[in-house]
């Protein structure tokens, strides 16, 4: 069985998750925690099968968060066996917002 890839969250991605968590908690107690569980499930999927998600821009991939209108944008570095998460964004947002965070080749 292949080992899981390591996972690195950029500070902006951590901020995205925190902001969404706080917003969902204001909507309904416990909803923020449910959001976090679903984000964690998406991240675990990425760690287990980093090349399974579609490429959406250059070498960057996207996995959707179950039950919530969010997507995780990451890059898999096979030579380092790691995934770098650059954004966790609401799907209604302008994609240029997360594309501006990506490293340039």
N, C-alpha and C. Protein backbone atom coordinates (compact mmCIF):
# COMPACT_ATOMS: atom_id res chain seq x y z
N UNK A 1 0.85 -1.19 0.00
CA UNK A 1 0.00 0.00 0.00
C UNK A 1 0.89 1.24 0.00
N UNK A 2 0.53 2.18 -0.83
CA UNK A 2 1.29 3.42 -0.96
C UNK A 2 1.09 4.31 0.27
N UNK A 3 2.17 4.93 0.72
CA UNK A 3 2.09 5.84 1.87
C UNK A 3 1.33 7.10 1.50
N UNK A 4 0.71 7.68 2.50
CA UNK A 4 0.00 8.94 2.28
C UNK A 4 0.99 10.06 2.02
N UNK A 5 0.58 11.00 1.20
CA UNK A 5 1.39 12.20 0.96
C UNK A 5 1.30 13.09 2.20
N UNK A 6 2.34 13.86 2.43
CA UNK A 6 2.26 14.84 3.51
C UNK A 6 1.42 16.02 3.03
N UNK A 7 0.97 16.81 3.95
CA UNK A 7 0.07 17.92 3.62
C UNK A 7 0.59 19.19 4.26
N UNK A 8 0.66 20.25 3.47
CA UNK A 8 1.08 21.57 3.96
C UNK A 8 -0.02 22.55 3.61
N UNK A 9 -0.52 23.28 4.60
CA UNK A 9 -1.53 24.31 4.35
C UNK A 9 -0.87 25.68 4.39
N UNK A 10 -1.02 26.41 3.30
CA UNK A 10 -0.53 27.79 3.26
C UNK A 10 -1.30 28.61 4.29
N UNK A 11 -0.68 29.65 4.84
CA UNK A 11 -1.38 30.48 5.83
C UNK A 11 -2.72 31.02 5.31
N UNK A 12 -2.79 31.35 4.04
CA UNK A 12 -4.04 31.87 3.47
C UNK A 12 -5.13 30.80 3.50
N UNK A 13 -4.76 29.55 3.24
CA UNK A 13 -5.74 28.46 3.27
C UNK A 13 -6.25 28.25 4.69
N UNK A 14 -5.34 28.33 5.67
CA UNK A 14 -5.76 28.23 7.07
C UNK A 14 -6.73 29.35 7.41
N UNK A 15 -6.44 30.55 6.91
CA UNK A 15 -7.34 31.68 7.13
C UNK A 15 -8.70 31.47 6.50
N UNK A 16 -8.72 30.90 5.30
CA UNK A 16 -9.99 30.59 4.63
C UNK A 16 -10.85 29.68 5.49
N UNK A 17 -10.24 28.63 6.02
CA UNK A 17 -10.96 27.65 6.83
C UNK A 17 -11.49 28.31 8.11
N UNK A 18 -10.66 29.09 8.76
CA UNK A 18 -11.08 29.76 9.99
C UNK A 18 -12.23 30.73 9.76
N UNK A 19 -12.13 31.48 8.68
CA UNK A 19 -13.18 32.45 8.36
C UNK A 19 -14.50 31.74 8.08
N UNK A 20 -14.48 30.66 7.30
CA UNK A 20 -15.70 29.92 6.99
C UNK A 20 -16.26 29.25 8.24
N UNK A 21 -15.39 28.69 9.07
CA UNK A 21 -15.83 28.07 10.32
C UNK A 21 -16.61 29.08 11.16
N UNK A 22 -16.02 30.26 11.35
CA UNK A 22 -16.68 31.28 12.17
C UNK A 22 -18.03 31.69 11.58
N UNK A 23 -18.08 31.83 10.27
CA UNK A 23 -19.34 32.22 9.63
C UNK A 23 -20.40 31.14 9.84
N UNK A 24 -20.04 29.88 9.61
CA UNK A 24 -21.02 28.79 9.78
C UNK A 24 -21.48 28.68 11.23
N UNK A 25 -20.59 28.92 12.18
CA UNK A 25 -20.98 28.87 13.58
C UNK A 25 -21.99 29.96 13.91
N UNK A 26 -21.90 31.13 13.27
CA UNK A 26 -22.89 32.19 13.52
C UNK A 26 -24.24 31.83 12.93
N UNK A 27 -24.24 30.95 11.94
CA UNK A 27 -25.50 30.54 11.31
C UNK A 27 -26.24 29.51 12.16
N UNK A 28 -25.47 28.59 12.75
CA UNK A 28 -26.06 27.54 13.58
C UNK A 28 -24.95 26.88 14.40
N UNK A 29 -25.17 26.81 15.70
CA UNK A 29 -24.16 26.19 16.57
C UNK A 29 -23.88 24.77 16.11
N UNK A 30 -22.62 24.45 15.93
CA UNK A 30 -22.22 23.12 15.50
C UNK A 30 -22.01 22.99 14.00
N UNK A 31 -22.55 23.92 13.23
CA UNK A 31 -22.39 23.85 11.79
C UNK A 31 -20.94 24.10 11.37
N UNK A 32 -20.27 24.96 12.10
CA UNK A 32 -18.85 25.21 11.82
C UNK A 32 -18.02 23.95 12.02
N UNK A 33 -18.33 23.20 13.07
CA UNK A 33 -17.62 21.95 13.33
C UNK A 33 -17.89 20.94 12.21
N UNK A 34 -19.11 20.89 11.75
CA UNK A 34 -19.45 20.00 10.63
C UNK A 34 -18.67 20.41 9.37
N UNK A 35 -18.54 21.70 9.15
CA UNK A 35 -17.73 22.19 8.04
C UNK A 35 -16.28 21.70 8.18
N UNK A 36 -15.71 21.85 9.38
CA UNK A 36 -14.33 21.41 9.61
C UNK A 36 -14.16 19.92 9.37
N UNK A 37 -15.14 19.12 9.79
CA UNK A 37 -15.07 17.67 9.56
C UNK A 37 -15.04 17.35 8.07
N UNK A 38 -15.84 18.06 7.31
CA UNK A 38 -15.90 17.80 5.87
C UNK A 38 -14.65 18.29 5.16
N UNK A 39 -14.09 19.40 5.61
CA UNK A 39 -12.81 19.86 5.04
C UNK A 39 -11.73 18.83 5.35
N UNK A 40 -11.71 18.33 6.58
CA UNK A 40 -10.71 17.32 6.97
C UNK A 40 -10.86 16.06 6.12
N UNK A 41 -12.08 15.66 5.84
CA UNK A 41 -12.31 14.48 4.99
C UNK A 41 -11.76 14.72 3.58
N UNK A 42 -11.98 15.92 3.05
CA UNK A 42 -11.47 16.25 1.72
C UNK A 42 -9.94 16.24 1.72
N UNK A 43 -9.33 16.79 2.78
CA UNK A 43 -7.87 16.80 2.88
C UNK A 43 -7.31 15.39 3.02
N UNK A 44 -8.00 14.54 3.75
CA UNK A 44 -7.54 13.16 3.90
C UNK A 44 -7.60 12.43 2.56
N UNK A 45 -8.64 12.70 1.78
CA UNK A 45 -8.75 12.11 0.45
C UNK A 45 -7.56 12.54 -0.41
N UNK A 46 -7.23 13.82 -0.36
CA UNK A 46 -6.09 14.35 -1.11
C UNK A 46 -4.80 13.66 -0.68
N UNK A 47 -4.63 13.46 0.60
CA UNK A 47 -3.41 12.79 1.09
C UNK A 47 -3.33 11.35 0.61
N UNK A 48 -4.47 10.66 0.57
CA UNK A 48 -4.47 9.26 0.16
C UNK A 48 -4.33 9.10 -1.35
N UNK A 49 -5.00 9.96 -2.11
CA UNK A 49 -5.03 9.85 -3.57
C UNK A 49 -4.79 11.21 -4.22
N UNK A 50 -3.61 11.75 -4.08
CA UNK A 50 -3.35 13.13 -4.52
C UNK A 50 -3.52 13.38 -6.02
N UNK A 51 -3.41 12.35 -6.83
CA UNK A 51 -3.54 12.55 -8.27
C UNK A 51 -4.94 12.23 -8.79
N UNK A 52 -5.88 11.91 -7.89
CA UNK A 52 -7.23 11.53 -8.30
C UNK A 52 -8.10 12.73 -8.67
N UNK A 53 -7.76 13.89 -8.15
CA UNK A 53 -8.59 15.08 -8.39
C UNK A 53 -8.19 15.77 -9.69
N UNK A 54 -9.15 16.44 -10.32
CA UNK A 54 -8.85 17.07 -11.61
C UNK A 54 -7.92 18.27 -11.50
N UNK A 55 -7.11 18.44 -12.53
CA UNK A 55 -6.28 19.63 -12.65
C UNK A 55 -7.20 20.75 -13.14
N UNK A 56 -7.16 21.89 -12.46
CA UNK A 56 -8.05 22.99 -12.81
C UNK A 56 -7.30 24.21 -13.34
N UNK A 57 -5.98 24.24 -13.09
CA UNK A 57 -5.19 25.38 -13.55
C UNK A 57 -3.72 24.98 -13.47
N UNK A 58 -3.02 25.01 -14.61
CA UNK A 58 -1.61 24.61 -14.67
C UNK A 58 -1.45 23.25 -14.01
N UNK A 59 -0.69 23.15 -12.90
CA UNK A 59 -0.50 21.87 -12.21
C UNK A 59 -1.32 21.79 -10.92
N UNK A 60 -2.27 22.68 -10.75
CA UNK A 60 -3.05 22.76 -9.52
C UNK A 60 -4.36 22.00 -9.65
N UNK A 61 -4.68 21.28 -8.60
CA UNK A 61 -5.86 20.41 -8.58
C UNK A 61 -6.90 20.94 -7.60
N UNK A 62 -8.11 20.37 -7.72
CA UNK A 62 -9.21 20.82 -6.86
C UNK A 62 -10.00 19.61 -6.39
N UNK A 63 -10.34 19.64 -5.10
CA UNK A 63 -11.26 18.66 -4.54
C UNK A 63 -12.41 19.44 -3.91
N UNK A 64 -13.62 18.94 -4.09
CA UNK A 64 -14.79 19.59 -3.52
C UNK A 64 -15.04 19.10 -2.11
N UNK A 65 -15.54 19.99 -1.28
CA UNK A 65 -15.86 19.66 0.11
C UNK A 65 -17.31 19.19 0.14
N UNK A 66 -17.52 18.02 0.68
CA UNK A 66 -18.86 17.44 0.75
C UNK A 66 -19.78 18.30 1.59
N UNK A 67 -21.01 18.45 1.11
CA UNK A 67 -22.10 19.15 1.80
C UNK A 67 -21.98 20.67 1.84
N UNK A 68 -20.81 21.21 1.57
CA UNK A 68 -20.60 22.65 1.63
C UNK A 68 -20.08 23.13 0.27
N UNK A 69 -20.45 24.35 -0.13
CA UNK A 69 -20.03 24.84 -1.46
C UNK A 69 -18.60 25.39 -1.47
N UNK A 70 -17.66 24.55 -1.04
CA UNK A 70 -16.26 24.93 -0.97
C UNK A 70 -15.41 23.96 -1.76
N UNK A 71 -14.27 24.48 -2.22
CA UNK A 71 -13.29 23.66 -2.93
C UNK A 71 -11.92 23.91 -2.32
N UNK A 72 -11.10 22.88 -2.34
CA UNK A 72 -9.72 22.95 -1.87
C UNK A 72 -8.82 22.92 -3.10
N UNK A 73 -7.97 23.92 -3.24
CA UNK A 73 -7.03 23.99 -4.37
C UNK A 73 -5.65 23.65 -3.83
N UNK A 74 -5.02 22.67 -4.49
CA UNK A 74 -3.72 22.21 -4.02
C UNK A 74 -2.83 21.81 -5.20
N UNK A 75 -1.56 21.65 -4.89
CA UNK A 75 -0.60 21.17 -5.87
C UNK A 75 0.09 19.94 -5.27
N UNK A 76 0.15 18.89 -6.05
CA UNK A 76 0.83 17.67 -5.62
C UNK A 76 2.26 17.69 -6.14
N UNK A 77 3.20 17.48 -5.24
CA UNK A 77 4.62 17.42 -5.60
C UNK A 77 5.07 15.98 -5.42
N UNK A 78 4.99 15.16 -6.49
CA UNK A 78 5.29 13.73 -6.35
C UNK A 78 6.72 13.44 -5.91
N UNK A 79 7.68 14.28 -6.32
CA UNK A 79 9.06 14.04 -5.93
C UNK A 79 9.28 14.22 -4.43
N UNK A 80 8.42 15.01 -3.80
CA UNK A 80 8.50 15.23 -2.35
C UNK A 80 7.39 14.51 -1.60
N UNK A 81 6.50 13.84 -2.35
CA UNK A 81 5.34 13.14 -1.77
C UNK A 81 4.57 14.05 -0.83
N UNK A 82 4.27 15.26 -1.32
CA UNK A 82 3.50 16.19 -0.49
C UNK A 82 2.51 16.98 -1.34
N UNK A 83 1.48 17.43 -0.66
CA UNK A 83 0.46 18.28 -1.26
C UNK A 83 0.49 19.62 -0.53
N UNK A 84 0.50 20.69 -1.31
CA UNK A 84 0.47 22.03 -0.73
C UNK A 84 -0.89 22.63 -1.05
N UNK A 85 -1.63 22.97 0.00
CA UNK A 85 -2.97 23.56 -0.16
C UNK A 85 -2.82 25.07 -0.16
N UNK A 86 -3.31 25.69 -1.22
CA UNK A 86 -3.19 27.15 -1.35
C UNK A 86 -4.48 27.89 -1.04
N UNK A 87 -5.62 27.22 -1.18
CA UNK A 87 -6.89 27.92 -0.93
C UNK A 87 -7.99 26.93 -0.57
N UNK A 88 -8.90 27.38 0.27
CA UNK A 88 -10.15 26.68 0.56
C UNK A 88 -11.21 27.75 0.37
N UNK A 89 -11.84 27.73 -0.80
CA UNK A 89 -12.68 28.88 -1.15
C UNK A 89 -14.11 28.48 -1.49
N UNK A 90 -15.00 29.43 -1.27
CA UNK A 90 -16.41 29.26 -1.61
C UNK A 90 -16.53 29.24 -3.11
N UNK A 91 -17.28 28.30 -3.63
CA UNK A 91 -17.35 28.11 -5.08
C UNK A 91 -18.00 29.27 -5.83
N UNK A 92 -18.66 30.18 -5.11
CA UNK A 92 -19.24 31.35 -5.79
C UNK A 92 -18.23 32.48 -5.97
N UNK A 93 -17.05 32.34 -5.37
CA UNK A 93 -16.04 33.39 -5.47
C UNK A 93 -15.37 33.38 -6.84
N UNK A 94 -14.85 34.50 -7.21
CA UNK A 94 -14.12 34.66 -8.46
C UNK A 94 -12.85 33.80 -8.38
N UNK A 95 -12.63 32.91 -9.35
CA UNK A 95 -11.43 32.06 -9.32
C UNK A 95 -10.13 32.85 -9.34
N UNK A 96 -10.16 34.08 -9.81
CA UNK A 96 -8.93 34.88 -9.81
C UNK A 96 -8.44 35.14 -8.39
N UNK A 97 -9.36 35.07 -7.42
CA UNK A 97 -8.97 35.28 -6.02
C UNK A 97 -7.97 34.21 -5.58
N UNK A 98 -8.26 32.93 -5.88
CA UNK A 98 -7.31 31.89 -5.48
C UNK A 98 -6.16 31.75 -6.45
N UNK A 99 -6.40 32.03 -7.72
CA UNK A 99 -5.30 31.93 -8.69
C UNK A 99 -4.18 32.91 -8.36
N UNK A 100 -4.52 34.06 -7.78
CA UNK A 100 -3.52 35.04 -7.40
C UNK A 100 -2.60 34.56 -6.28
N UNK A 101 -3.00 33.52 -5.56
CA UNK A 101 -2.17 32.98 -4.48
C UNK A 101 -1.16 31.94 -4.96
N UNK A 102 -1.36 31.43 -6.14
CA UNK A 102 -0.53 30.32 -6.61
C UNK A 102 0.87 30.79 -6.97
N UNK A 103 1.86 29.94 -6.68
CA UNK A 103 3.23 30.31 -7.07
C UNK A 103 3.37 30.35 -8.58
N UNK A 104 4.14 31.25 -9.05
CA UNK A 104 4.36 31.36 -10.50
C UNK A 104 5.53 30.46 -10.89
N UNK A 105 5.40 29.82 -12.07
CA UNK A 105 6.47 28.92 -12.52
C UNK A 105 7.77 29.64 -12.82
